[in-house]
Amino acid sequence: MAENVSRWTLQGKTALVTGATKGIGKTIVEELLGLGATVYACARSAVDIQNCLNEWKATGLPVYGSTSDVSNEESRVKLIKEVGETFNGKLDILVNNVGTNLRKPTVDFTPEDYHFLFSTNLESAFRLNQLAFPLLKTAGSSCIVNVSSVAGVTAMNSGSIYAMCKAAMNQMSKNLGCEWAKYGIRVNSVSPWYINTPLAQTVLSNQSYYEEVIGRTPMRRVGEPHEVASTVAFLCLPASSYITAQNIIVDGGVTSAGFYPLKD
């Protein structure tokens, strides 16, 4: 029985979560904390990260954090240095959650848009994986979870550059999951459909768009942040120790339904 319990706890584990103050990211932090992990949280907004740290620390949770723009190389290097110092040279869990989008027809994207979206959504995760590698290797039995999107799996009205980034993230997770398995590092991605977050509400607040989304979703609703966070947390638990190089889709059945006629 004791062995069963130990598979379902993160007690004694350390984690870094990026984009940690809103929506899915904040919920991931709270999910990992609830399972016993000590978490280092970061975000671009100094106000947001401080407010979250105050909230979490007020309840006695073991959480650290700092302001960090992970789309910037200097900031990434500084972040991993701070994490290494905080956790004595090792890291058990890295969750690359940072992501943003610009919704435009493909012909309207500028070179600046392209650079912004790739540096934020893909380059940040790739470089943090590289930079955190020594800490993850030292920890042993460590893991990376890259928060991707259904946009990287199937065509949807999200913007082609965002979709390209997420498709590349899924492939990156597969490659690193295989390449780094020998070091005891598992790497997976999680691909949500529309989730009830501030970012998604920018389009879901349009009633006709919302109805179109629901019409494509077998479960007839958008997801909630905790439904993604719990999937991420599972991939961090010892219970998932034989799962690597996978992309777990959290979409209420959308990508499986295809052209299946959805009727009430």
Protein backbone atom coordinates (compact mmCIF):
# COMPACT_ATOMS: atom_id res chain seq x y z
CA MET A 1 0.00 0.00 0.00
CA ALA A 2 2.80 2.42 0.84
CA GLU A 3 4.30 1.87 -2.61
CA ASN A 4 0.93 2.67 -4.21
CA VAL A 5 0.74 5.95 -2.31
CA SER A 6 4.28 6.96 -3.26
CA ARG A 7 3.39 6.74 -6.95
CA TRP A 8 0.74 9.43 -6.50
CA THR A 9 2.71 12.12 -4.71
CA LEU A 10 5.28 14.75 -5.67
CA GLN A 11 6.52 15.15 -2.12
CA GLY A 12 10.17 16.18 -2.18
CA LYS A 13 10.10 17.08 -5.89
CA THR A 14 11.03 20.47 -7.34
CA ALA A 15 9.36 22.12 -10.32
CA LEU A 16 9.70 25.15 -12.60
CA VAL A 17 6.54 26.43 -14.28
CA THR A 18 6.66 29.24 -16.84
CA GLY A 19 3.72 31.52 -17.63
CA ALA A 20 2.58 30.74 -14.10
CA THR A 21 0.23 33.55 -13.08
CA LYS A 22 -2.88 33.08 -15.21
CA GLY A 23 -5.19 30.43 -16.62
CA ILE A 24 -3.64 27.02 -17.18
CA GLY A 25 -0.23 28.04 -15.81
CA LYS A 26 -1.50 29.21 -12.44
CA THR A 27 -3.66 26.11 -12.11
CA ILE A 28 -0.65 23.88 -12.91
CA VAL A 29 1.35 25.55 -10.13
CA GLU A 30 -1.47 24.94 -7.66
CA GLU A 31 -1.93 21.34 -8.82
CA LEU A 32 1.77 20.56 -8.34
CA LEU A 33 1.84 22.30 -4.96
CA GLY A 34 -1.21 20.31 -3.91
CA LEU A 35 0.64 17.09 -4.71
CA GLY A 36 3.58 18.09 -2.52
CA ALA A 37 6.05 19.67 -4.93
CA THR A 38 8.08 22.79 -4.24
CA VAL A 39 7.50 25.13 -7.19
CA TYR A 40 9.42 27.98 -8.80
CA ALA A 41 6.97 30.12 -10.78
CA CYS A 42 7.79 32.79 -13.34
CA ALA A 43 5.96 35.25 -15.60
CA ARG A 44 6.67 38.45 -17.52
CA SER A 45 4.60 40.72 -15.28
CA ALA A 46 6.27 41.69 -12.01
CA VAL A 47 2.91 42.69 -10.55
CA ASP A 48 1.24 39.41 -11.49
CA ILE A 49 4.03 37.20 -10.17
CA GLN A 50 4.23 39.12 -6.90
CA ASN A 51 0.47 38.95 -6.39
CA CYS A 52 0.47 35.19 -6.98
CA LEU A 53 3.47 34.62 -4.72
CA ASN A 54 1.77 36.59 -1.96
CA GLU A 55 -1.41 34.53 -2.39
CA TRP A 56 0.40 31.18 -2.34
CA LYS A 57 2.79 32.03 0.49
CA ALA A 58 -0.07 33.31 2.64
CA THR A 59 -1.27 29.72 2.87
CA GLY A 60 2.19 28.40 3.69
CA LEU A 61 2.86 26.77 0.33
CA PRO A 62 6.51 26.10 -0.65
CA VAL A 63 6.78 28.40 -3.67
CA TYR A 64 9.43 30.68 -5.11
CA GLY A 65 9.34 32.90 -8.16
CA SER A 66 10.63 35.78 -10.22
CA THR A 67 9.87 37.97 -13.19
CA SER A 68 11.16 36.43 -16.41
CA ASP A 69 10.48 36.98 -20.12
CA VAL A 70 11.40 33.56 -21.47
CA SER A 71 11.20 34.78 -25.07
CA ASN A 72 14.50 36.55 -24.30
CA GLU A 73 17.77 34.59 -24.13
CA GLU A 74 19.41 36.65 -21.40
CA SER A 75 16.29 36.28 -19.27
CA ARG A 76 16.19 32.50 -19.87
CA VAL A 77 19.80 32.05 -18.81
CA LYS A 78 19.22 34.13 -15.68
CA LEU A 79 16.07 32.17 -14.82
CA ILE A 80 17.75 28.75 -14.98
CA LYS A 81 20.67 30.06 -12.93
CA GLU A 82 18.23 31.24 -10.25
CA VAL A 83 16.35 27.95 -10.31
CA GLY A 84 19.58 25.98 -9.96
CA GLU A 85 20.63 28.08 -6.99
CA THR A 86 17.19 27.79 -5.37
CA PHE A 87 17.03 24.00 -5.75
CA ASN A 88 20.69 23.19 -5.06
CA GLY A 89 21.69 22.28 -8.59
CA LYS A 90 18.86 19.96 -9.56
CA LEU A 91 15.34 20.14 -10.96
CA ASP A 92 12.76 17.34 -11.08
CA ILE A 93 10.05 18.94 -13.23
CA LEU A 94 10.02 21.56 -15.99
CA VAL A 95 6.67 22.74 -17.34
CA ASN A 96 6.96 24.97 -20.42
CA ASN A 97 3.59 26.70 -20.34
CA VAL A 98 4.33 30.10 -21.87
CA GLY A 99 2.31 30.76 -24.99
CA THR A 100 0.48 33.49 -26.87
CA ASN A 101 -1.22 34.04 -30.20
CA LEU A 102 -1.98 36.58 -32.90
CA ARG A 103 -5.02 35.66 -34.98
CA LYS A 104 -4.67 36.86 -38.57
CA PRO A 105 -5.02 35.52 -42.08
CA THR A 106 -1.65 34.10 -43.11
CA VAL A 107 -1.04 36.78 -45.75
CA ASP A 108 -1.35 39.50 -43.08
CA PHE A 109 1.43 38.23 -40.78
CA THR A 110 4.55 40.39 -40.71
CA PRO A 111 8.12 39.18 -40.18
CA GLU A 112 7.89 40.76 -36.73
CA ASP A 113 4.77 38.69 -35.94
CA TYR A 114 6.57 35.54 -37.08
CA HIS A 115 9.58 36.23 -34.87
CA PHE A 116 7.43 37.17 -31.86
CA LEU A 117 5.29 34.04 -32.03
CA PHE A 118 8.16 31.64 -32.62
CA SER A 119 10.37 33.16 -29.92
CA THR A 120 7.54 33.08 -27.39
CA ASN A 121 5.86 29.77 -28.21
CA LEU A 122 8.69 27.54 -29.43
CA GLU A 123 12.16 28.97 -28.97
CA SER A 124 11.46 29.64 -25.28
CA ALA A 125 10.60 25.98 -24.64
CA PHE A 126 13.46 24.61 -26.77
CA ARG A 127 16.08 26.76 -25.06
CA LEU A 128 14.73 26.20 -21.54
CA ASN A 129 14.85 22.46 -22.20
CA GLN A 130 18.48 22.80 -23.23
CA LEU A 131 19.43 25.10 -20.37
CA ALA A 132 17.65 23.00 -17.73
CA PHE A 133 19.14 19.72 -19.01
CA PRO A 134 22.03 19.61 -16.50
CA LEU A 135 19.63 20.21 -13.58
CA LEU A 136 17.18 17.58 -14.84
CA LYS A 137 19.96 15.06 -15.47
CA THR A 138 21.35 15.58 -11.97
CA ALA A 139 17.92 15.01 -10.44
CA GLY A 140 17.38 11.69 -12.20
CA SER A 141 13.86 10.38 -12.92
CA SER A 142 12.93 13.90 -13.96
CA CYS A 143 10.43 15.12 -16.52
CA ILE A 144 9.49 17.89 -18.93
CA VAL A 145 5.93 18.71 -19.94
CA ASN A 146 5.47 21.09 -22.86
CA VAL A 147 2.02 22.69 -22.99
CA SER A 148 1.03 22.57 -26.65
CA SER A 149 -2.35 22.83 -28.41
CA VAL A 150 -4.81 20.93 -30.58
CA ALA A 151 -3.79 23.55 -33.18
CA GLY A 152 -0.57 21.56 -33.55
CA VAL A 153 -2.50 18.37 -34.29
CA THR A 154 -5.30 19.45 -36.64
CA ALA A 155 -6.28 22.53 -38.62
CA MET A 156 -8.31 25.08 -36.68
CA ASN A 157 -8.99 28.78 -36.88
CA SER A 158 -6.12 29.82 -34.63
CA GLY A 159 -3.57 31.29 -37.03
CA SER A 160 -1.02 29.36 -39.05
CA ILE A 161 2.09 30.52 -37.18
CA TYR A 162 0.70 29.50 -33.79
CA ALA A 163 -0.23 26.11 -35.26
CA MET A 164 3.25 25.68 -36.72
CA CYS A 165 4.83 26.42 -33.34
CA LYS A 166 2.65 23.90 -31.55
CA ALA A 167 3.20 21.18 -34.16
CA ALA A 168 6.95 21.72 -33.79
CA MET A 169 6.62 21.57 -30.00
CA ASN A 170 4.91 18.18 -30.25
CA GLN A 171 7.70 16.85 -32.45
CA MET A 172 10.34 18.35 -30.16
CA SER A 173 8.77 16.46 -27.25
CA LYS A 174 8.89 13.19 -29.17
CA ASN A 175 12.52 13.65 -30.18
CA LEU A 176 13.73 14.73 -26.74
CA GLY A 177 11.68 12.02 -25.04
CA CYS A 178 13.63 9.44 -27.04
CA GLU A 179 17.02 11.19 -26.96
CA TRP A 180 17.01 11.93 -23.23
CA ALA A 181 15.40 8.73 -21.94
CA LYS A 182 18.85 7.30 -21.24
CA TYR A 183 19.42 10.15 -18.78
CA GLY A 184 16.23 9.40 -16.86
CA ILE A 185 14.43 12.42 -18.32
CA ARG A 186 10.91 11.90 -19.64
CA VAL A 187 9.52 14.45 -22.11
CA ASN A 188 5.85 14.74 -23.10
CA SER A 189 3.47 17.35 -24.44
CA VAL A 190 -0.15 18.12 -23.60
CA SER A 191 -2.44 19.54 -26.29
CA PRO A 192 -5.62 21.24 -25.08
CA TRP A 193 -8.62 22.33 -27.16
CA TYR A 194 -10.41 25.52 -26.12
CA ILE A 195 -10.02 25.99 -22.37
CA ASN A 196 -11.83 28.57 -20.23
CA THR A 197 -8.90 30.97 -19.80
CA PRO A 198 -8.46 34.73 -20.30
CA LEU A 199 -6.63 34.10 -23.60
CA ALA A 200 -9.42 31.89 -24.98
CA GLN A 201 -12.14 34.26 -23.80
CA THR A 202 -10.93 36.84 -26.32
CA VAL A 203 -12.64 34.69 -28.98
CA LEU A 204 -15.11 32.64 -26.94
CA SER A 205 -16.85 35.83 -25.84
CA ASN A 206 -18.19 35.97 -29.40
CA GLN A 207 -21.41 33.95 -29.13
CA SER A 208 -21.42 32.64 -32.68
CA TYR A 209 -17.77 31.57 -32.37
CA TYR A 210 -18.49 29.90 -29.04
CA GLU A 211 -21.41 27.96 -30.55
CA GLU A 212 -19.18 26.82 -33.43
CA VAL A 213 -16.59 25.54 -30.94
CA ILE A 214 -19.24 23.71 -28.90
CA GLY A 215 -20.70 22.30 -32.09
CA ARG A 216 -17.38 20.60 -32.88
CA THR A 217 -16.93 19.24 -29.36
CA PRO A 218 -18.52 15.87 -28.48
CA MET A 219 -18.59 16.79 -24.77
CA ARG A 220 -20.49 19.98 -25.71
CA ARG A 221 -18.40 22.34 -23.60
CA VAL A 222 -14.97 23.96 -23.43
CA GLY A 223 -12.45 22.58 -20.97
CA GLU A 224 -11.51 24.01 -17.59
CA PRO A 225 -7.93 24.86 -16.56
CA HIS A 226 -7.87 22.16 -13.86
CA GLU A 227 -8.60 19.51 -16.52
CA VAL A 228 -5.36 20.40 -18.29
CA ALA A 229 -3.41 20.93 -15.06
CA SER A 230 -4.34 17.50 -13.73
CA THR A 231 -3.12 15.91 -16.98
CA VAL A 232 0.17 17.79 -16.70
CA ALA A 233 0.49 16.74 -13.07
CA PHE A 234 -0.12 13.08 -13.93
CA LEU A 235 2.76 13.19 -16.41
CA CYS A 236 4.97 14.50 -13.59
CA LEU A 237 4.01 11.77 -11.12
CA PRO A 238 5.97 8.54 -10.57
CA ALA A 239 2.72 6.82 -11.62
CA SER A 240 3.48 7.82 -15.24
CA SER A 241 7.10 6.67 -15.14
CA TYR A 242 6.84 4.59 -18.36
CA ILE A 243 5.28 7.37 -20.44
CA THR A 244 7.60 9.47 -22.58
CA ALA A 245 7.74 11.03 -26.07
CA GLN A 246 3.93 11.26 -26.14
CA ASN A 247 1.42 13.99 -26.89
CA ILE A 248 -1.65 13.77 -24.67
CA ILE A 249 -4.69 15.47 -26.22
CA VAL A 250 -7.17 17.12 -23.85
CA ASP A 251 -9.99 18.12 -26.18
CA GLY A 252 -13.37 16.69 -25.17
CA GLY A 253 -13.19 14.34 -28.17
CA VAL A 254 -12.73 16.94 -30.93
CA THR A 255 -9.81 15.36 -32.79
CA SER A 256 -11.39 11.90 -32.62
CA ALA A 257 -14.81 13.05 -33.83
CA GLY A 258 -13.59 14.27 -37.22
CA PHE A 259 -16.66 14.53 -39.45
CA TYR A 260 -18.79 12.51 -37.06
CA PRO A 261 -22.27 14.13 -37.12
CA LEU A 262 -22.78 15.61 -33.66
CA LYS A 263 -26.43 15.74 -32.68
CA ASP A 264 -28.16 16.61 -29.42
